[in-house]
Amino acid sequence: VAEHFETASPPPAPGAPVWWISLGDD
């Protein structure tokens, strides 16, 4: 989680499993 960006409500628990995905062009 990036604390300075808007988060969906309600946010999950800190230990909840998530995927972090980056799409783009580099």
PDB file of all heavy atoms in Angstrom:
ATOM      1  N   VAL A   1       0.840  -1.195   0.000  1.00  0.00           N
ATOM      2  CA  VAL A   1       0.000   0.000   0.000  1.00  0.00           C
ATOM      3  C   VAL A   1       0.877   1.247   0.000  1.00  0.00           C
ATOM      4  O   VAL A   1       1.917   1.303   0.657  1.00  0.00           O
ATOM      5  CB  VAL A   1      -0.974   0.003   1.199  1.00  0.00           C
ATOM      6  CG1 VAL A   1      -0.226   0.143   2.517  1.00  0.00           C
ATOM      7  CG2 VAL A   1      -2.003   1.112   1.045  1.00  0.00           C
ATOM      8  N   ALA A   2       0.487   2.234  -0.792  1.00  0.00           N
ATOM      9  CA  ALA A   2       1.156   3.532  -0.820  1.00  0.00           C
ATOM     10  C   ALA A   2       0.248   4.497  -0.064  1.00  0.00           C
ATOM     11  O   ALA A   2      -0.810   4.885  -0.557  1.00  0.00           O
ATOM     12  CB  ALA A   2       1.381   3.989  -2.249  1.00  0.00           C
ATOM     13  N   GLU A   3       0.633   4.857   1.124  1.00  0.00           N
ATOM     14  CA  GLU A   3      -0.244   5.597   2.030  1.00  0.00           C
ATOM     15  C   GLU A   3      -0.666   6.963   1.518  1.00  0.00           C
ATOM     16  O   GLU A   3      -1.671   7.496   1.942  1.00  0.00           O
ATOM     17  CB  GLU A   3       0.423   5.720   3.398  1.00  0.00           C
ATOM     18  CG  GLU A   3       0.601   4.363   4.055  1.00  0.00           C
ATOM     19  CD  GLU A   3       1.347   4.434   5.369  1.00  0.00           C
ATOM     20  OE1 GLU A   3       1.616   5.553   5.851  1.00  0.00           O
ATOM     21  OE2 GLU A   3       1.655   3.365   5.901  1.00  0.00           O
ATOM     22  N   HIS A   4       0.066   7.548   0.592  1.00  0.00           N
ATOM     23  CA  HIS A   4      -0.267   8.885   0.116  1.00  0.00           C
ATOM     24  C   HIS A   4      -1.193   8.887  -1.105  1.00  0.00           C
ATOM     25  O   HIS A   4      -1.438   9.922  -1.686  1.00  0.00           O
ATOM     26  CB  HIS A   4       1.022   9.684  -0.171  1.00  0.00           C
ATOM     27  CG  HIS A   4       1.998   8.954  -1.029  1.00  0.00           C
ATOM     28  ND1 HIS A   4       2.823   7.963  -0.526  1.00  0.00           N
ATOM     29  CD2 HIS A   4       2.280   9.039  -2.342  1.00  0.00           C
ATOM     30  CE1 HIS A   4       3.567   7.490  -1.503  1.00  0.00           C
ATOM     31  NE2 HIS A   4       3.266   8.116  -2.607  1.00  0.00           N
ATOM     32  N   PHE A   5      -1.735   7.724  -1.493  1.00  0.00           N
ATOM     33  CA  PHE A   5      -2.689   7.648  -2.587  1.00  0.00           C
ATOM     34  C   PHE A   5      -4.025   7.127  -2.072  1.00  0.00           C
ATOM     35  O   PHE A   5      -4.092   6.388  -1.088  1.00  0.00           O
ATOM     36  CB  PHE A   5      -2.177   6.730  -3.703  1.00  0.00           C
ATOM     37  CG  PHE A   5      -1.034   7.327  -4.467  1.00  0.00           C
ATOM     38  CD1 PHE A   5       0.270   6.946  -4.190  1.00  0.00           C
ATOM     39  CD2 PHE A   5      -1.252   8.270  -5.450  1.00  0.00           C
ATOM     40  CE1 PHE A   5       1.339   7.493  -4.876  1.00  0.00           C
ATOM     41  CE2 PHE A   5      -0.194   8.830  -6.145  1.00  0.00           C
ATOM     42  CZ  PHE A   5       1.103   8.446  -5.854  1.00  0.00           C
ATOM     43  N   GLU A   6      -5.087   7.500  -2.761  1.00  0.00           N
ATOM     44  CA  GLU A   6      -6.435   7.091  -2.360  1.00  0.00           C
ATOM     45  C   GLU A   6      -6.548   5.567  -2.368  1.00  0.00           C
ATOM     46  O   GLU A   6      -6.027   4.888  -3.240  1.00  0.00           O
ATOM     47  CB  GLU A   6      -7.452   7.690  -3.320  1.00  0.00           C
ATOM     48  CG  GLU A   6      -8.874   7.456  -2.902  1.00  0.00           C
ATOM     49  CD  GLU A   6      -9.867   8.168  -3.813  1.00  0.00           C
ATOM     50  OE1 GLU A   6      -9.479   9.119  -4.502  1.00  0.00           O
ATOM     51  OE2 GLU A   6     -11.026   7.745  -3.810  1.00  0.00           O
ATOM     52  N   THR A   7      -7.261   5.051  -1.377  1.00  0.00           N
ATOM     53  CA  THR A   7      -7.452   3.612  -1.208  1.00  0.00           C
ATOM     54  C   THR A   7      -8.945   3.304  -1.218  1.00  0.00           C
ATOM     55  O   THR A   7      -9.739   4.067  -0.685  1.00  0.00           O
ATOM     56  CB  THR A   7      -6.832   3.149   0.129  1.00  0.00           C
ATOM     57  OG1 THR A   7      -5.450   3.470   0.118  1.00  0.00           O
ATOM     58  CG2 THR A   7      -6.996   1.664   0.340  1.00  0.00           C
ATOM     59  N   ALA A   8      -9.302   2.181  -1.825  1.00  0.00           N
ATOM     60  CA  ALA A   8     -10.698   1.745  -1.828  1.00  0.00           C
ATOM     61  C   ALA A   8     -11.185   1.572  -0.398  1.00  0.00           C
ATOM     62  O   ALA A   8     -10.413   1.251   0.499  1.00  0.00           O
ATOM     63  CB  ALA A   8     -10.839   0.435  -2.593  1.00  0.00           C
ATOM     64  N   SER A   9     -12.447   1.784  -0.213  1.00  0.00           N
ATOM     65  CA  SER A   9     -13.020   1.652   1.124  1.00  0.00           C
ATOM     66  C   SER A   9     -13.946   0.444   1.143  1.00  0.00           C
ATOM     67  O   SER A   9     -14.730   0.260   0.217  1.00  0.00           O
ATOM     68  CB  SER A   9     -13.803   2.922   1.452  1.00  0.00           C
ATOM     69  OG  SER A   9     -14.311   2.865   2.746  1.00  0.00           O
ATOM     70  N   PRO A  10     -13.890  -0.358   2.140  1.00  0.00           N
ATOM     71  CA  PRO A  10     -12.945  -0.322   3.252  1.00  0.00           C
ATOM     72  C   PRO A  10     -11.625  -0.975   2.837  1.00  0.00           C
ATOM     73  O   PRO A  10     -11.618  -1.910   2.036  1.00  0.00           O
ATOM     74  CB  PRO A  10     -13.625  -1.148   4.335  1.00  0.00           C
ATOM     75  CG  PRO A  10     -14.418  -2.167   3.581  1.00  0.00           C
ATOM     76  CD  PRO A  10     -14.866  -1.448   2.313  1.00  0.00           C
ATOM     77  N   PRO A  11     -10.511  -0.485   3.370  1.00  0.00           N
ATOM     78  CA  PRO A  11      -9.237  -1.131   3.042  1.00  0.00           C
ATOM     79  C   PRO A  11      -9.154  -2.497   3.711  1.00  0.00           C
ATOM     80  O   PRO A  11      -9.778  -2.718   4.755  1.00  0.00           O
ATOM     81  CB  PRO A  11      -8.193  -0.178   3.625  1.00  0.00           C
ATOM     82  CG  PRO A  11      -8.905   0.558   4.703  1.00  0.00           C
ATOM     83  CD  PRO A  11     -10.345   0.647   4.273  1.00  0.00           C
ATOM     84  N   PRO A  12      -8.402  -3.407   3.133  1.00  0.00           N
ATOM     85  CA  PRO A  12      -8.254  -4.723   3.757  1.00  0.00           C
ATOM     86  C   PRO A  12      -7.358  -4.638   4.993  1.00  0.00           C
ATOM     87  O   PRO A  12      -6.686  -3.628   5.224  1.00  0.00           O
ATOM     88  CB  PRO A  12      -7.608  -5.572   2.669  1.00  0.00           C
ATOM     89  CG  PRO A  12      -6.944  -4.611   1.764  1.00  0.00           C
ATOM     90  CD  PRO A  12      -7.703  -3.320   1.861  1.00  0.00           C
ATOM     91  N   ALA A  13      -7.314  -5.707   5.748  1.00  0.00           N
ATOM     92  CA  ALA A  13      -6.413  -5.799   6.906  1.00  0.00           C
ATOM     93  C   ALA A  13      -4.971  -5.773   6.417  1.00  0.00           C
ATOM     94  O   ALA A  13      -4.683  -6.201   5.293  1.00  0.00           O
ATOM     95  CB  ALA A  13      -6.686  -7.092   7.666  1.00  0.00           C
ATOM     96  N   PRO A  14      -4.035  -5.292   7.231  1.00  0.00           N
ATOM     97  CA  PRO A  14      -2.632  -5.218   6.814  1.00  0.00           C
ATOM     98  C   PRO A  14      -2.063  -6.545   6.312  1.00  0.00           C
ATOM     99  O   PRO A  14      -1.238  -6.558   5.407  1.00  0.00           O
ATOM    100  CB  PRO A  14      -1.905  -4.752   8.077  1.00  0.00           C
ATOM    101  CG  PRO A  14      -2.940  -3.993   8.836  1.00  0.00           C
ATOM    102  CD  PRO A  14      -4.233  -4.710   8.563  1.00  0.00           C
ATOM    103  N   GLY A  15      -2.512  -7.674   6.849  1.00  0.00           N
ATOM    104  CA  GLY A  15      -1.989  -8.972   6.439  1.00  0.00           C
ATOM    105  C   GLY A  15      -2.747  -9.627   5.307  1.00  0.00           C
ATOM    106  O   GLY A  15      -2.444 -10.757   4.923  1.00  0.00           O
ATOM    107  N   ALA A  16      -3.727  -8.924   4.725  1.00  0.00           N
ATOM    108  CA  ALA A  16      -4.528  -9.502   3.638  1.00  0.00           C
ATOM    109  C   ALA A  16      -3.664  -9.735   2.397  1.00  0.00           C
ATOM    110  O   ALA A  16      -2.808  -8.921   2.063  1.00  0.00           O
ATOM    111  CB  ALA A  16      -5.685  -8.570   3.298  1.00  0.00           C
ATOM    112  N   PRO A  17      -3.881 -10.849   1.690  1.00  0.00           N
ATOM    113  CA  PRO A  17      -3.085 -11.142   0.495  1.00  0.00           C
ATOM    114  C   PRO A  17      -3.490 -10.253  -0.680  1.00  0.00           C
ATOM    115  O   PRO A  17      -4.679 -10.063  -0.950  1.00  0.00           O
ATOM    116  CB  PRO A  17      -3.396 -12.614   0.210  1.00  0.00           C
ATOM    117  CG  PRO A  17      -4.739 -12.851   0.817  1.00  0.00           C
ATOM    118  CD  PRO A  17      -4.834 -11.923   1.994  1.00  0.00           C
ATOM    119  N   VAL A  18      -2.491  -9.715  -1.366  1.00  0.00           N
ATOM    120  CA  VAL A  18      -2.736  -8.846  -2.519  1.00  0.00           C
ATOM    121  C   VAL A  18      -1.730  -9.147  -3.621  1.00  0.00           C
ATOM    122  O   VAL A  18      -0.677  -9.734  -3.383  1.00  0.00           O
ATOM    123  CB  VAL A  18      -2.641  -7.342  -2.160  1.00  0.00           C
ATOM    124  CG1 VAL A  18      -3.673  -6.953  -1.106  1.00  0.00           C
ATOM    125  CG2 VAL A  18      -1.248  -6.955  -1.719  1.00  0.00           C
ATOM    126  N   TRP A  19      -2.081  -8.708  -4.809  1.00  0.00           N
ATOM    127  CA  TRP A  19      -1.161  -8.683  -5.939  1.00  0.00           C
ATOM    128  C   TRP A  19      -0.805  -7.231  -6.199  1.00  0.00           C
ATOM    129  O   TRP A  19      -1.669  -6.361  -6.173  1.00  0.00           O
ATOM    130  CB  TRP A  19      -1.799  -9.266  -7.193  1.00  0.00           C
ATOM    131  CG  TRP A  19      -1.779 -10.746  -7.232  1.00  0.00           C
ATOM    132  CD1 TRP A  19      -2.801 -11.591  -6.912  1.00  0.00           C
ATOM    133  CD2 TRP A  19      -0.676 -11.572  -7.609  1.00  0.00           C
ATOM    134  NE1 TRP A  19      -2.390 -12.889  -7.060  1.00  0.00           N
ATOM    135  CE2 TRP A  19      -1.090 -12.898  -7.491  1.00  0.00           C
ATOM    136  CE3 TRP A  19       0.630 -11.304  -8.035  1.00  0.00           C
ATOM    137  CZ2 TRP A  19      -0.261 -13.965  -7.788  1.00  0.00           C
ATOM    138  CZ3 TRP A  19       1.462 -12.371  -8.328  1.00  0.00           C
ATOM    139  CH2 TRP A  19       1.020 -13.680  -8.208  1.00  0.00           C
ATOM    140  N   TRP A  20       0.461  -6.960  -6.470  1.00  0.00           N
ATOM    141  CA  TRP A  20       0.933  -5.644  -6.879  1.00  0.00           C
ATOM    142  C   TRP A  20       1.355  -5.805  -8.330  1.00  0.00           C
ATOM    143  O   TRP A  20       2.214  -6.621  -8.655  1.00  0.00           O
ATOM    144  CB  TRP A  20       2.101  -5.215  -5.994  1.00  0.00           C
ATOM    145  CG  TRP A  20       2.655  -3.878  -6.336  1.00  0.00           C
ATOM    146  CD1 TRP A  20       2.223  -2.664  -5.872  1.00  0.00           C
ATOM    147  CD2 TRP A  20       3.744  -3.605  -7.218  1.00  0.00           C
ATOM    148  NE1 TRP A  20       2.981  -1.664  -6.417  1.00  0.00           N
ATOM    149  CE2 TRP A  20       3.928  -2.212  -7.251  1.00  0.00           C
ATOM    150  CE3 TRP A  20       4.584  -4.397  -7.989  1.00  0.00           C
ATOM    151  CZ2 TRP A  20       4.902  -1.604  -8.014  1.00  0.00           C
ATOM    152  CZ3 TRP A  20       5.556  -3.792  -8.760  1.00  0.00           C
ATOM    153  CH2 TRP A  20       5.715  -2.407  -8.760  1.00  0.00           C
ATOM    154  N   ILE A  21       0.706  -5.053  -9.226  1.00  0.00           N
ATOM    155  CA  ILE A  21       0.918  -5.182 -10.669  1.00  0.00           C
ATOM    156  C   ILE A  21       1.386  -3.843 -11.219  1.00  0.00           C
ATOM    157  O   ILE A  21       0.850  -2.796 -10.863  1.00  0.00           O
ATOM    158  CB  ILE A  21      -0.405  -5.581 -11.380  1.00  0.00           C
ATOM    159  CG1 ILE A  21      -0.968  -6.899 -10.826  1.00  0.00           C
ATOM    160  CG2 ILE A  21      -0.228  -5.621 -12.890  1.00  0.00           C
ATOM    161  CD1 ILE A  21      -0.202  -8.136 -11.197  1.00  0.00           C
ATOM    162  N   SER A  22       2.371  -3.880 -12.098  1.00  0.00           N
ATOM    163  CA  SER A  22       2.834  -2.676 -12.788  1.00  0.00           C
ATOM    164  C   SER A  22       2.692  -2.896 -14.288  1.00  0.00           C
ATOM    165  O   SER A  22       3.293  -3.817 -14.848  1.00  0.00           O
ATOM    166  CB  SER A  22       4.291  -2.384 -12.442  1.00  0.00           C
ATOM    167  OG  SER A  22       4.754  -1.244 -13.152  1.00  0.00           O
ATOM    168  N   LEU A  23       1.876  -2.057 -14.927  1.00  0.00           N
ATOM    169  CA  LEU A  23       1.717  -2.067 -16.377  1.00  0.00           C
ATOM    170  C   LEU A  23       2.305  -0.780 -16.930  1.00  0.00           C
ATOM    171  O   LEU A  23       2.204   0.265 -16.283  1.00  0.00           O
ATOM    172  CB  LEU A  23       0.239  -2.128 -16.769  1.00  0.00           C
ATOM    173  CG  LEU A  23      -0.563  -3.333 -16.330  1.00  0.00           C
ATOM    174  CD1 LEU A  23      -2.030  -3.157 -16.725  1.00  0.00           C
ATOM    175  CD2 LEU A  23      -0.006  -4.603 -16.930  1.00  0.00           C
ATOM    176  N   GLY A  24       2.887  -0.825 -18.109  1.00  0.00           N
ATOM    177  CA  GLY A  24       3.394   0.399 -18.697  1.00  0.00           C
ATOM    178  C   GLY A  24       4.414   0.150 -19.780  1.00  0.00           C
ATOM    179  O   GLY A  24       4.433  -0.901 -20.419  1.00  0.00           O
ATOM    180  N   ASP A  25       5.288   1.133 -19.937  1.00  0.00           N
ATOM    181  CA  ASP A  25       6.334   1.101 -20.945  1.00  0.00           C
ATOM    182  C   ASP A  25       7.598   1.637 -20.286  1.00  0.00           C
ATOM    183  O   ASP A  25       7.580   2.722 -19.709  1.00  0.00           O
ATOM    184  CB  ASP A  25       5.929   1.982 -22.132  1.00  0.00           C
ATOM    185  CG  ASP A  25       6.956   1.978 -23.239  1.00  0.00           C
ATOM    186  OD1 ASP A  25       7.534   0.905 -23.520  1.00  0.00           O
ATOM    187  OD2 ASP A  25       7.188   3.044 -23.835  1.00  0.00           O
ATOM    188  N   ASP A  26       8.671   0.876 -20.341  1.00  0.00           N
ATOM    189  CA  ASP A  26       9.918   1.288 -19.694  1.00  0.00           C
ATOM    190  C   ASP A  26      11.083   1.011 -20.649  1.00  0.00           C
ATOM    191  O   ASP A  26      11.836   0.056 -20.474  1.00  0.00           O
ATOM    192  CB  ASP A  26      10.097   0.537 -18.376  1.00  0.00           C
ATOM    193  CG  ASP A  26      11.179   1.140 -17.510  1.00  0.00           C
ATOM    194  OD1 ASP A  26      11.686   2.223 -17.846  1.00  0.00           O
ATOM    195  OD2 ASP A  26      11.513   0.526 -16.485  1.00  0.00           O
TER     196      ASP A  26
END
